Amino acid sequence: MKFTVKSRGDHDSNMITQKIKNYLQEFELTYNSEEPDVVISVGGDGTLLEAFHEYTDRLYDTAFVGVHTGHLGFYADWKPDEVEKLVIHIAKTPFKIVEYPVLEVVVRHHGEQKTERFLALNECSVKSTEGSLVMDIEIKGDLFETFRGDGLCISTPSGSTAYNKALGGAILHPSLSTIQLAEMASINNRVYRTIGSPLVLPQHHTCLLKPLNDVDFQVTIDHKTLLQKEVKSIQCRVAEEKVRFARFRPFPFWKRVKESFITD
């Protein structure tokens, strides 16, 4: 089996990363950062997000597992004092693969044939940098509403506990093949109307955003911000690809939600 280890970069994470690398090589596993079968993330959810984006071209062949060296995360579910147990599992135990949906974002530009495609594990957000953003929102090719406000967030179920939750979106179980659209400070009065509630779209529905006014805005894919000019449309839907996690023990999602937001 081929593996690689990605560290957050702080002292503790680097020490644990080296320990995992040494242990697995002692078990005669091959360190290969180009074509890994397993990517071990040491840090937090942000570290795993970076690892995901590094290997988006290998999602069919690579599984992820996270060790958290800070606060409890939704992706990094192993503790530093469990590293030896994790290493033995990876080396000796056939692991279960759990697949979760990811978001496909296609950005098209005016006046050229340029099309950019991105994958997001958590969300894509579109935010105005000056004034109100005005966008038509089409669902399955039909105009649903004209949005006016600060911006929009389109999240995966895995990302529903992140920015989406801060915007009042619903928390969805990560196994559901859906995307969720949440508004940021929408303008609602006698002249302008939006639904004002988050929308959950199934796998076969496409959400298309079309900018209508001439304001600068930025598109963020997970932790990466793209400065967009002359954007014609932004298309979002459930991607054909899925993210694969290596599971060696139960991963109680609702318990993790409770521990993260309700109990200490």
Protein backbone atom coordinates (compact mmCIF):
# COMPACT_ATOMS: atom_id res chain seq x y z
CA MET A 1 0.00 0.00 0.00
CA LYS A 2 1.20 3.50 -0.83
CA PHE A 3 0.65 6.36 1.60
CA THR A 4 1.52 9.97 2.28
CA VAL A 5 1.16 12.21 5.33
CA LYS A 6 0.20 15.91 5.23
CA SER A 7 0.99 18.13 8.22
CA ARG A 8 -0.54 21.43 9.32
CA GLY A 9 3.04 22.63 9.76
CA ASP A 10 3.22 23.36 13.49
CA HIS A 11 5.74 21.59 15.73
CA ASP A 12 3.36 18.99 17.21
CA SER A 13 1.82 18.15 13.82
CA ASN A 14 5.26 17.76 12.24
CA MET A 15 6.41 15.44 15.02
CA ILE A 16 3.33 13.24 14.69
CA THR A 17 3.66 13.27 10.89
CA GLN A 18 7.24 11.98 11.09
CA LYS A 19 6.23 9.35 13.64
CA ILE A 20 3.43 8.05 11.39
CA LYS A 21 5.77 7.99 8.38
CA ASN A 22 8.46 6.06 10.28
CA TYR A 23 5.98 3.57 11.75
CA LEU A 24 4.31 2.79 8.43
CA GLN A 25 7.62 2.34 6.65
CA GLU A 26 8.65 -0.09 9.40
CA PHE A 27 5.54 -2.05 8.42
CA GLU A 28 6.92 -2.02 4.85
CA LEU A 29 4.29 0.34 3.44
CA THR A 30 5.54 2.61 0.65
CA TYR A 31 5.72 6.36 1.07
CA ASN A 32 4.48 7.88 -2.19
CA SER A 33 3.17 11.45 -2.30
CA GLU A 34 2.44 11.26 -6.05
CA GLU A 35 0.02 8.33 -6.17
CA PRO A 36 -1.02 7.48 -2.60
CA ASP A 37 -3.69 4.96 -1.75
CA VAL A 38 -4.15 6.64 1.65
CA VAL A 39 -3.59 10.28 2.59
CA ILE A 40 -3.17 10.87 6.32
CA SER A 41 -3.90 14.45 7.37
CA VAL A 42 -2.35 15.69 10.63
CA GLY A 43 -3.77 18.98 11.90
CA GLY A 44 -7.40 19.99 11.63
CA ASP A 45 -10.22 20.17 9.12
CA GLY A 46 -8.33 22.85 7.20
CA THR A 47 -5.37 20.51 6.73
CA LEU A 48 -7.63 17.82 5.33
CA LEU A 49 -9.26 20.35 3.01
CA GLU A 50 -5.82 21.22 1.63
CA ALA A 51 -5.03 17.53 1.17
CA PHE A 52 -8.35 17.00 -0.63
CA HIS A 53 -7.57 19.78 -3.12
CA GLU A 54 -4.10 18.42 -3.72
CA TYR A 55 -5.54 15.06 -4.78
CA THR A 56 -8.80 15.97 -6.54
CA ASP A 57 -7.48 14.18 -9.63
CA ARG A 58 -7.20 10.94 -7.61
CA LEU A 59 -10.51 10.81 -5.76
CA TYR A 60 -11.38 7.43 -7.27
CA ASP A 61 -8.10 5.92 -6.03
CA THR A 62 -7.27 7.73 -2.80
CA ALA A 63 -8.84 7.55 0.67
CA PHE A 64 -8.36 10.13 3.43
CA VAL A 65 -7.99 9.80 7.18
CA GLY A 66 -7.41 12.61 9.67
CA VAL A 67 -5.53 13.04 12.95
CA HIS A 68 -6.47 16.23 14.81
CA THR A 69 -3.83 18.13 16.75
CA GLY A 70 -6.09 20.99 17.77
CA HIS A 71 -9.82 21.25 18.36
CA LEU A 72 -12.04 18.32 17.50
CA GLY A 73 -12.91 18.41 13.81
CA PHE A 74 -15.45 16.80 11.53
CA TYR A 75 -12.84 15.25 9.24
CA ALA A 76 -9.95 14.59 11.62
CA ASP A 77 -11.32 11.91 13.93
CA TRP A 78 -8.15 10.36 15.44
CA LYS A 79 -6.35 11.81 18.47
CA PRO A 80 -2.56 12.17 18.77
CA ASP A 81 -2.41 9.53 21.52
CA GLU A 82 -4.11 7.07 19.15
CA VAL A 83 -1.43 7.26 16.44
CA GLU A 84 0.06 3.82 17.16
CA LYS A 85 -3.41 2.25 17.05
CA LEU A 86 -4.15 4.03 13.75
CA VAL A 87 -0.85 2.90 12.22
CA ILE A 88 -1.56 -0.73 13.11
CA HIS A 89 -5.04 -0.42 11.59
CA ILE A 90 -3.65 1.02 8.36
CA ALA A 91 -0.92 -1.61 8.12
CA LYS A 92 -2.87 -4.67 9.21
CA THR A 93 -6.62 -4.07 8.88
CA PRO A 94 -8.67 -3.94 5.67
CA PHE A 95 -10.44 -0.63 6.10
CA LYS A 96 -13.96 0.32 5.13
CA ILE A 97 -14.40 3.01 2.50
CA VAL A 98 -17.08 5.63 3.15
CA GLU A 99 -17.96 7.92 0.25
CA TYR A 100 -19.49 11.39 0.59
CA PRO A 101 -20.67 13.78 -2.16
CA VAL A 102 -18.67 16.82 -3.20
CA LEU A 103 -19.68 19.99 -5.04
CA GLU A 104 -18.90 20.70 -8.68
CA VAL A 105 -18.50 24.39 -9.57
CA VAL A 106 -18.23 25.47 -13.21
CA VAL A 107 -17.37 29.14 -13.88
CA ARG A 108 -18.01 30.52 -17.38
CA HIS A 109 -16.74 33.90 -18.59
CA HIS A 110 -18.05 36.55 -20.99
CA GLY A 111 -16.37 37.11 -24.34
CA GLU A 112 -14.28 33.98 -24.34
CA GLN A 113 -14.64 30.23 -24.34
CA LYS A 114 -12.89 29.92 -21.00
CA THR A 115 -14.54 27.51 -18.57
CA GLU A 116 -13.12 26.63 -15.17
CA ARG A 117 -14.16 23.58 -13.16
CA PHE A 118 -13.58 23.17 -9.44
CA LEU A 119 -14.50 20.65 -6.76
CA ALA A 120 -15.38 21.69 -3.20
CA LEU A 121 -15.49 19.46 -0.15
CA ASN A 122 -17.22 22.09 2.04
CA GLU A 123 -18.69 24.93 -0.01
CA CYS A 124 -18.52 27.54 -2.72
CA SER A 125 -19.33 31.10 -1.66
CA VAL A 126 -19.97 34.11 -3.86
CA LYS A 127 -19.59 37.45 -2.05
CA SER A 128 -19.72 41.05 -3.17
CA THR A 129 -16.70 43.18 -2.34
CA GLU A 130 -18.63 46.43 -2.82
CA GLY A 131 -22.34 47.15 -2.63
CA SER A 132 -25.11 44.62 -3.16
CA LEU A 133 -24.71 41.64 -5.42
CA VAL A 134 -27.59 41.00 -7.85
CA MET A 135 -27.88 37.53 -9.37
CA ASP A 136 -30.50 35.45 -11.12
CA ILE A 137 -30.78 32.00 -9.57
CA GLU A 138 -31.91 29.26 -11.95
CA ILE A 139 -32.80 25.77 -10.76
CA LYS A 140 -33.01 23.04 -13.38
CA GLY A 141 -32.96 25.70 -16.11
CA ASP A 142 -35.88 27.74 -14.73
CA LEU A 143 -35.55 31.15 -13.07
CA PHE A 144 -36.29 30.73 -9.37
CA GLU A 145 -35.51 34.19 -8.03
CA THR A 146 -33.40 37.32 -8.45
CA PHE A 147 -31.17 37.62 -5.41
CA ARG A 148 -30.01 40.93 -3.97
CA GLY A 149 -27.71 41.00 -0.99
CA ASP A 150 -24.19 40.31 0.23
CA GLY A 151 -23.77 36.90 -1.37
CA LEU A 152 -24.62 33.21 -1.58
CA CYS A 153 -23.18 30.01 -0.14
CA ILE A 154 -23.59 26.63 -1.84
CA SER A 155 -22.49 23.82 0.46
CA THR A 156 -22.15 20.06 0.53
CA PRO A 157 -23.70 18.02 3.35
CA SER A 158 -20.17 17.60 4.77
CA GLY A 159 -19.79 21.38 4.72
CA SER A 160 -23.21 22.06 6.19
CA THR A 161 -21.63 22.38 9.66
CA ALA A 162 -19.23 25.10 8.46
CA TYR A 163 -20.06 28.46 6.78
CA ASN A 164 -23.54 27.21 5.87
CA LYS A 165 -24.45 26.77 9.53
CA ALA A 166 -23.28 30.30 10.35
CA LEU A 167 -25.73 31.55 7.70
CA GLY A 168 -28.66 29.69 9.27
CA GLY A 169 -28.52 26.68 6.97
CA ALA A 170 -29.56 23.19 8.00
CA ILE A 171 -27.08 20.56 9.18
CA LEU A 172 -27.30 17.62 6.78
CA HIS A 173 -25.90 14.13 7.20
CA PRO A 174 -22.84 13.85 4.92
CA SER A 175 -24.14 10.70 3.22
CA LEU A 176 -26.95 12.61 1.48
CA SER A 177 -26.33 13.41 -2.21
CA THR A 178 -27.48 17.01 -2.07
CA ILE A 179 -26.27 20.59 -2.14
CA GLN A 180 -27.62 23.47 -0.05
CA LEU A 181 -28.04 27.10 -1.07
CA ALA A 182 -28.01 29.73 1.70
CA GLU A 183 -28.34 33.50 1.37
CA MET A 184 -26.13 36.16 2.93
CA ALA A 185 -28.03 39.25 4.10
CA SER A 186 -30.64 39.20 1.33
CA ILE A 187 -32.68 42.34 0.67
CA ASN A 188 -36.40 41.75 1.18
CA ASN A 189 -38.93 44.59 0.98
CA ARG A 190 -41.98 45.64 -1.07
CA VAL A 191 -39.84 45.88 -4.21
CA TYR A 192 -37.38 43.00 -3.89
CA ARG A 193 -38.19 39.45 -2.81
CA THR A 194 -36.17 36.29 -2.26
CA ILE A 195 -37.16 33.00 -0.66
CA GLY A 196 -35.17 33.96 2.44
CA SER A 197 -34.70 30.31 3.43
CA PRO A 198 -31.96 27.79 2.64
CA LEU A 199 -32.74 25.45 -0.24
CA VAL A 200 -31.70 21.79 -0.37
CA LEU A 201 -31.35 20.47 -3.91
CA PRO A 202 -31.13 16.79 -4.87
CA GLN A 203 -28.37 15.24 -6.91
CA HIS A 204 -30.04 15.68 -10.31
CA HIS A 205 -30.79 19.40 -9.86
CA THR A 206 -28.41 22.10 -11.11
CA CYS A 207 -28.18 25.59 -9.60
CA LEU A 208 -27.04 28.33 -11.98
CA LEU A 209 -26.01 31.81 -10.76
CA LYS A 210 -25.99 34.67 -13.29
CA PRO A 211 -24.56 38.05 -12.19
CA LEU A 212 -26.76 40.98 -13.29
CA ASN A 213 -25.08 44.10 -11.90
CA ASP A 214 -21.59 45.48 -12.37
CA VAL A 215 -20.04 44.96 -8.93
CA ASP A 216 -16.83 43.19 -8.02
CA PHE A 217 -17.29 39.89 -6.26
CA GLN A 218 -15.14 36.99 -5.22
CA VAL A 219 -15.71 33.27 -5.50
CA THR A 220 -14.28 31.08 -2.74
CA ILE A 221 -13.88 27.32 -3.14
CA ASP A 222 -13.43 25.94 0.38
CA HIS A 223 -10.36 27.88 1.59
CA LYS A 224 -9.26 29.23 -1.81
CA THR A 225 -10.45 32.64 -3.01
CA LEU A 226 -10.64 33.31 -6.76
CA LEU A 227 -10.81 36.87 -8.03
CA GLN A 228 -13.35 36.66 -10.83
CA LYS A 229 -13.75 39.12 -13.71
CA GLU A 230 -16.29 39.07 -16.52
CA VAL A 231 -18.16 36.10 -15.08
CA LYS A 232 -21.11 34.96 -17.18
CA SER A 233 -22.39 32.22 -14.86
CA ILE A 234 -21.51 29.95 -11.97
CA GLN A 235 -23.00 26.47 -12.18
CA CYS A 236 -23.23 24.28 -9.06
CA ARG A 237 -24.33 20.69 -8.69
CA VAL A 238 -23.44 17.41 -6.98
CA ALA A 239 -20.26 16.17 -8.64
CA GLU A 240 -19.84 12.76 -10.23
CA GLU A 241 -16.76 12.30 -8.04
CA LYS A 242 -16.98 11.54 -4.34
CA VAL A 243 -14.54 11.97 -1.49
CA ARG A 244 -13.45 8.65 0.05
CA PHE A 245 -12.62 8.29 3.74
CA ALA A 246 -10.87 5.28 5.27
CA ARG A 247 -12.90 4.14 8.26
CA PHE A 248 -11.41 1.80 10.88
CA ARG A 249 -14.12 2.32 13.52
CA PRO A 250 -17.59 3.87 13.75
CA PHE A 251 -17.88 7.58 12.98
CA PRO A 252 -21.02 8.80 14.79
CA PHE A 253 -21.81 12.01 12.91
CA TRP A 254 -24.59 13.23 15.20
CA LYS A 255 -22.44 12.60 18.25
CA ARG A 256 -19.74 14.72 16.62
CA VAL A 257 -22.29 17.48 15.97
CA LYS A 258 -23.35 17.38 19.61
CA GLU A 259 -19.77 17.49 20.88
CA SER A 260 -18.90 20.37 18.56
CA PHE A 261 -21.87 22.65 19.15
CA ILE A 262 -23.77 21.62 22.29
CA THR A 263 -21.61 19.92 24.94
CA ASP A 264 -18.09 20.68 26.11
